[in-house]
Amino acid sequence: MNRIKEVLKEKGISQTWLALKLDKSYNTINEYSRNVRQPSIEDLYRIANILNVNAKDLLK
């Protein structure tokens, strides 16, 4: 499970913005945020870099 939704909320960043930065669909980011689907390790590190957090901070 991940904390992407919580970190986005803490930073005031929308799922749409993250989707654009990652070149992913909104639906993909929404599934990550709802823990319906988990990002690959590569995408997890990309998300962490974009959000300026440690990748471990995105994991529960």
PDB file of N, CA and C in Angstrom:
ATOM      1  N   MET A   1       0.837  -1.175   0.000  1.00  0.00           N
ATOM      2  CA  MET A   1       0.000   0.000   0.000  1.00  0.00           C
ATOM      3  C   MET A   1       0.884   1.240   0.000  1.00  0.00           C
ATOM      4  N   ASN A   2       0.339   2.323  -0.544  1.00  0.00           N
ATOM      5  CA  ASN A   2       1.119   3.550  -0.627  1.00  0.00           C
ATOM      6  C   ASN A   2       0.368   4.729  -0.019  1.00  0.00           C
ATOM      7  N   ARG A   3       1.091   5.828   0.139  1.00  0.00           N
ATOM      8  CA  ARG A   3       0.550   7.054   0.733  1.00  0.00           C
ATOM      9  C   ARG A   3       0.487   8.191  -0.277  1.00  0.00           C
ATOM     10  N   ILE A   4       0.407   7.871  -1.553  1.00  0.00           N
ATOM     11  CA  ILE A   4       0.436   8.908  -2.578  1.00  0.00           C
ATOM     12  C   ILE A   4      -0.684   9.924  -2.359  1.00  0.00           C
ATOM     13  N   LYS A   5      -1.885   9.451  -2.092  1.00  0.00           N
ATOM     14  CA  LYS A   5      -3.015  10.355  -1.893  1.00  0.00           C
ATOM     15  C   LYS A   5      -2.751  11.313  -0.736  1.00  0.00           C
ATOM     16  N   GLU A   6      -2.238  10.792   0.378  1.00  0.00           N
ATOM     17  CA  GLU A   6      -1.978  11.616   1.547  1.00  0.00           C
ATOM     18  C   GLU A   6      -0.898  12.658   1.274  1.00  0.00           C
ATOM     19  N   VAL A   7       0.158  12.247   0.581  1.00  0.00           N
ATOM     20  CA  VAL A   7       1.251  13.178   0.293  1.00  0.00           C
ATOM     21  C   VAL A   7       0.779  14.266  -0.671  1.00  0.00           C
ATOM     22  N   LEU A   8      -0.013  13.900  -1.669  1.00  0.00           N
ATOM     23  CA  LEU A   8      -0.563  14.904  -2.582  1.00  0.00           C
ATOM     24  C   LEU A   8      -1.394  15.927  -1.810  1.00  0.00           C
ATOM     25  N   LYS A   9      -2.223  15.431  -0.893  1.00  0.00           N
ATOM     26  CA  LYS A   9      -3.076  16.321  -0.098  1.00  0.00           C
ATOM     27  C   LYS A   9      -2.219  17.233   0.784  1.00  0.00           C
ATOM     28  N   GLU A  10      -1.206  16.660   1.445  1.00  0.00           N
ATOM     29  CA  GLU A  10      -0.320  17.441   2.313  1.00  0.00           C
ATOM     30  C   GLU A  10       0.358  18.575   1.543  1.00  0.00           C
ATOM     31  N   LYS A  11       0.721  18.302   0.295  1.00  0.00           N
ATOM     32  CA  LYS A  11       1.452  19.282  -0.509  1.00  0.00           C
ATOM     33  C   LYS A  11       0.528  20.156  -1.352  1.00  0.00           C
ATOM     34  N   GLY A  12      -0.771  19.874  -1.324  1.00  0.00           N
ATOM     35  CA  GLY A  12      -1.714  20.673  -2.098  1.00  0.00           C
ATOM     36  C   GLY A  12      -1.579  20.477  -3.597  1.00  0.00           C
ATOM     37  N   ILE A  13      -1.221  19.265  -3.998  1.00  0.00           N
ATOM     38  CA  ILE A  13      -1.003  18.950  -5.412  1.00  0.00           C
ATOM     39  C   ILE A  13      -2.123  18.046  -5.904  1.00  0.00           C
ATOM     40  N   SER A  14      -2.598  18.311  -7.108  1.00  0.00           N
ATOM     41  CA  SER A  14      -3.696  17.511  -7.655  1.00  0.00           C
ATOM     42  C   SER A  14      -3.178  16.263  -8.364  1.00  0.00           C
ATOM     43  N   GLN A  15      -4.040  15.289  -8.451  1.00  0.00           N
ATOM     44  CA  GLN A  15      -3.727  14.067  -9.190  1.00  0.00           C
ATOM     45  C   GLN A  15      -3.524  14.382 -10.673  1.00  0.00           C
ATOM     46  N   THR A  16      -4.273  15.348 -11.173  1.00  0.00           N
ATOM     47  CA  THR A  16      -4.151  15.740 -12.582  1.00  0.00           C
ATOM     48  C   THR A  16      -2.753  16.296 -12.853  1.00  0.00           C
ATOM     49  N   TRP A  17      -2.247  17.148 -11.959  1.00  0.00           N
ATOM     50  CA  TRP A  17      -0.910  17.719 -12.116  1.00  0.00           C
ATOM     51  C   TRP A  17       0.143  16.611 -12.117  1.00  0.00           C
ATOM     52  N   LEU A  18       0.013  15.669 -11.178  1.00  0.00           N
ATOM     53  CA  LEU A  18       0.972  14.565 -11.100  1.00  0.00           C
ATOM     54  C   LEU A  18       0.909  13.710 -12.356  1.00  0.00           C
ATOM     55  N   ALA A  19      -0.281  13.470 -12.857  1.00  0.00           N
ATOM     56  CA  ALA A  19      -0.440  12.684 -14.090  1.00  0.00           C
ATOM     57  C   ALA A  19       0.295  13.360 -15.249  1.00  0.00           C
ATOM     58  N   LEU A  20       0.174  14.669 -15.361  1.00  0.00           N
ATOM     59  CA  LEU A  20       0.861  15.398 -16.431  1.00  0.00           C
ATOM     60  C   LEU A  20       2.380  15.299 -16.276  1.00  0.00           C
ATOM     61  N   LYS A  21       2.865  15.456 -15.045  1.00  0.00           N
ATOM     62  CA  LYS A  21       4.308  15.388 -14.791  1.00  0.00           C
ATOM     63  C   LYS A  21       4.874  14.003 -15.105  1.00  0.00           C
ATOM     64  N   LEU A  22       4.082  12.955 -14.844  1.00  0.00           N
ATOM     65  CA  LEU A  22       4.541  11.577 -15.062  1.00  0.00           C
ATOM     66  C   LEU A  22       4.241  11.075 -16.467  1.00  0.00           C
ATOM     67  N   ASP A  23       3.488  11.860 -17.222  1.00  0.00           N
ATOM     68  CA  ASP A  23       3.026  11.436 -18.546  1.00  0.00           C
ATOM     69  C   ASP A  23       2.214  10.139 -18.434  1.00  0.00           C
ATOM     70  N   LYS A  24       1.328  10.135 -17.436  1.00  0.00           N
ATOM     71  CA  LYS A  24       0.415   9.019 -17.191  1.00  0.00           C
ATOM     72  C   LYS A  24      -1.006   9.560 -17.248  1.00  0.00           C
ATOM     73  N   SER A  25      -1.961   8.675 -17.392  1.00  0.00           N
ATOM     74  CA  SER A  25      -3.350   9.123 -17.399  1.00  0.00           C
ATOM     75  C   SER A  25      -3.801   9.465 -15.978  1.00  0.00           C
ATOM     76  N   TYR A  26      -4.812  10.324 -15.909  1.00  0.00           N
ATOM     77  CA  TYR A  26      -5.407  10.646 -14.617  1.00  0.00           C
ATOM     78  C   TYR A  26      -5.899   9.368 -13.947  1.00  0.00           C
ATOM     79  N   ASN A  27      -6.508   8.462 -14.728  1.00  0.00           N
ATOM     80  CA  ASN A  27      -7.047   7.221 -14.165  1.00  0.00           C
ATOM     81  C   ASN A  27      -5.960   6.384 -13.494  1.00  0.00           C
ATOM     82  N   THR A  28      -4.783   6.353 -14.089  1.00  0.00           N
ATOM     83  CA  THR A  28      -3.668   5.593 -13.500  1.00  0.00           C
ATOM     84  C   THR A  28      -3.287   6.184 -12.148  1.00  0.00           C
ATOM     85  N   ILE A  29      -3.131   7.506 -12.082  1.00  0.00           N
ATOM     86  CA  ILE A  29      -2.766   8.158 -10.825  1.00  0.00           C
ATOM     87  C   ILE A  29      -3.869   7.973  -9.799  1.00  0.00           C
ATOM     88  N   ASN A  30      -5.115   8.049 -10.231  1.00  0.00           N
ATOM     89  CA  ASN A  30      -6.240   7.848  -9.331  1.00  0.00           C
ATOM     90  C   ASN A  30      -6.224   6.426  -8.763  1.00  0.00           C
ATOM     91  N   GLU A  31      -5.906   5.445  -9.582  1.00  0.00           N
ATOM     92  CA  GLU A  31      -5.814   4.063  -9.095  1.00  0.00           C
ATOM     93  C   GLU A  31      -4.660   3.903  -8.113  1.00  0.00           C
ATOM     94  N   TYR A  32      -3.530   4.569  -8.379  1.00  0.00           N
ATOM     95  CA  TYR A  32      -2.421   4.561  -7.419  1.00  0.00           C
ATOM     96  C   TYR A  32      -2.878   5.169  -6.097  1.00  0.00           C
ATOM     97  N   SER A  33      -3.570   6.289  -6.178  1.00  0.00           N
ATOM     98  CA  SER A  33      -3.996   7.022  -4.986  1.00  0.00           C
ATOM     99  C   SER A  33      -5.002   6.241  -4.151  1.00  0.00           C
ATOM    100  N   ARG A  34      -5.810   5.437  -4.808  1.00  0.00           N
ATOM    101  CA  ARG A  34      -6.820   4.651  -4.092  1.00  0.00           C
ATOM    102  C   ARG A  34      -6.300   3.255  -3.737  1.00  0.00           C
ATOM    103  N   ASN A  35      -5.040   2.973  -4.042  1.00  0.00           N
ATOM    104  CA  ASN A  35      -4.424   1.677  -3.778  1.00  0.00           C
ATOM    105  C   ASN A  35      -5.131   0.532  -4.500  1.00  0.00           C
ATOM    106  N   VAL A  36      -5.744   0.850  -5.626  1.00  0.00           N
ATOM    107  CA  VAL A  36      -6.340  -0.173  -6.484  1.00  0.00           C
ATOM    108  C   VAL A  36      -5.224  -0.832  -7.290  1.00  0.00           C
ATOM    109  N   ARG A  37      -4.226  -0.022  -7.600  1.00  0.00           N
ATOM    110  CA  ARG A  37      -3.080  -0.458  -8.397  1.00  0.00           C
ATOM    111  C   ARG A  37      -1.842   0.175  -7.785  1.00  0.00           C
ATOM    112  N   GLN A  38      -0.726  -0.531  -7.830  1.00  0.00           N
ATOM    113  CA  GLN A  38       0.515  -0.008  -7.264  1.00  0.00           C
ATOM    114  C   GLN A  38       1.463   0.404  -8.393  1.00  0.00           C
ATOM    115  N   PRO A  39       2.167   1.518  -8.205  1.00  0.00           N
ATOM    116  CA  PRO A  39       3.130   1.938  -9.225  1.00  0.00           C
ATOM    117  C   PRO A  39       4.327   0.992  -9.250  1.00  0.00           C
ATOM    118  N   SER A  40       4.972   0.922 -10.392  1.00  0.00           N
ATOM    119  CA  SER A  40       6.217   0.163 -10.475  1.00  0.00           C
ATOM    120  C   SER A  40       7.243   0.849  -9.584  1.00  0.00           C
ATOM    121  N   ILE A  41       8.309   0.162  -9.288  1.00  0.00           N
ATOM    122  CA  ILE A  41       9.386   0.752  -8.476  1.00  0.00           C
ATOM    123  C   ILE A  41       9.930   2.001  -9.165  1.00  0.00           C
ATOM    124  N   GLU A  42      10.104   1.908 -10.485  1.00  0.00           N
ATOM    125  CA  GLU A  42      10.598   3.061 -11.238  1.00  0.00           C
ATOM    126  C   GLU A  42       9.645   4.247 -11.098  1.00  0.00           C
ATOM    127  N   ASP A  43       8.356   3.999 -11.265  1.00  0.00           N
ATOM    128  CA  ASP A  43       7.372   5.082 -11.134  1.00  0.00           C
ATOM    129  C   ASP A  43       7.297   5.602  -9.702  1.00  0.00           C
ATOM    130  N   LEU A  44       7.444   4.735  -8.732  1.00  0.00           N
ATOM    131  CA  LEU A  44       7.431   5.169  -7.332  1.00  0.00           C
ATOM    132  C   LEU A  44       8.569   6.159  -7.084  1.00  0.00           C
ATOM    133  N   TYR A  45       9.759   5.853  -7.605  1.00  0.00           N
ATOM    134  CA  TYR A  45      10.889   6.768  -7.442  1.00  0.00           C
ATOM    135  C   TYR A  45      10.676   8.066  -8.220  1.00  0.00           C
ATOM    136  N   ARG A  46      10.061   7.983  -9.385  1.00  0.00           N
ATOM    137  CA  ARG A  46       9.760   9.192 -10.158  1.00  0.00           C
ATOM    138  C   ARG A  46       8.765  10.073  -9.400  1.00  0.00           C
ATOM    139  N   ILE A  47       7.736   9.450  -8.835  1.00  0.00           N
ATOM    140  CA  ILE A  47       6.738  10.196  -8.057  1.00  0.00           C
ATOM    141  C   ILE A  47       7.413  10.866  -6.865  1.00  0.00           C
ATOM    142  N   ALA A  48       8.246  10.118  -6.162  1.00  0.00           N
ATOM    143  CA  ALA A  48       8.954  10.674  -5.004  1.00  0.00           C
ATOM    144  C   ALA A  48       9.806  11.865  -5.412  1.00  0.00           C
ATOM    145  N   ASN A  49      10.503  11.751  -6.526  1.00  0.00           N
ATOM    146  CA  ASN A  49      11.346  12.845  -7.009  1.00  0.00           C
ATOM    147  C   ASN A  49      10.503  14.072  -7.346  1.00  0.00           C
ATOM    148  N   ILE A  50       9.400  13.874  -8.045  1.00  0.00           N
ATOM    149  CA  ILE A  50       8.515  14.980  -8.423  1.00  0.00           C
ATOM    150  C   ILE A  50       7.932  15.657  -7.183  1.00  0.00           C
ATOM    151  N   LEU A  51       7.557  14.847  -6.188  1.00  0.00           N
ATOM    152  CA  LEU A  51       6.945  15.394  -4.973  1.00  0.00           C
ATOM    153  C   LEU A  51       7.976  15.853  -3.944  1.00  0.00           C
ATOM    154  N   ASN A  52       9.253  15.633  -4.269  1.00  0.00           N
ATOM    155  CA  ASN A  52      10.347  16.040  -3.393  1.00  0.00           C
ATOM    156  C   ASN A  52      10.253  15.388  -2.014  1.00  0.00           C
ATOM    157  N   VAL A  53      10.034  14.075  -2.025  1.00  0.00           N
ATOM    158  CA  VAL A  53      10.011  13.277  -0.805  1.00  0.00           C
ATOM    159  C   VAL A  53      10.852  12.030  -1.023  1.00  0.00           C
ATOM    160  N   ASN A  54      11.191  11.366   0.051  1.00  0.00           N
ATOM    161  CA  ASN A  54      11.883  10.087  -0.026  1.00  0.00           C
ATOM    162  C   ASN A  54      10.875   9.028  -0.456  1.00  0.00           C
ATOM    163  N   ALA A  55      11.288   8.102  -1.298  1.00  0.00           N
ATOM    164  CA  ALA A  55      10.388   7.050  -1.771  1.00  0.00           C
ATOM    165  C   ALA A  55       9.781   6.279  -0.602  1.00  0.00           C
ATOM    166  N   LYS A  56      10.539   6.103   0.480  1.00  0.00           N
ATOM    167  CA  LYS A  56      10.021   5.403   1.655  1.00  0.00           C
ATOM    168  C   LYS A  56       8.829   6.129   2.271  1.00  0.00           C
ATOM    169  N   ASP A  57       8.799   7.459   2.108  1.00  0.00           N
ATOM    170  CA  ASP A  57       7.689   8.241   2.652  1.00  0.00           C
ATOM    171  C   ASP A  57       6.382   7.994   1.906  1.00  0.00           C
ATOM    172  N   LEU A  58       6.469   7.385   0.738  1.00  0.00           N
ATOM    173  CA  LEU A  58       5.269   7.083  -0.038  1.00  0.00           C
ATOM    174  C   LEU A  58       4.690   5.703   0.301  1.00  0.00           C
ATOM    175  N   LEU A  59       5.408   4.950   1.109  1.00  0.00           N
ATOM    176  CA  LEU A  59       4.980   3.595   1.445  1.00  0.00           C
ATOM    177  C   LEU A  59       4.457   3.539   2.873  1.00  0.00           C
ATOM    178  N   LYS A  60       3.468   2.665   3.076  1.00  0.00           N
ATOM    179  CA  LYS A  60       2.933   2.462   4.421  1.00  0.00           C
ATOM    180  C   LYS A  60       3.648   1.313   5.068  1.00  0.00           C
TER     181      LYS A  60
END
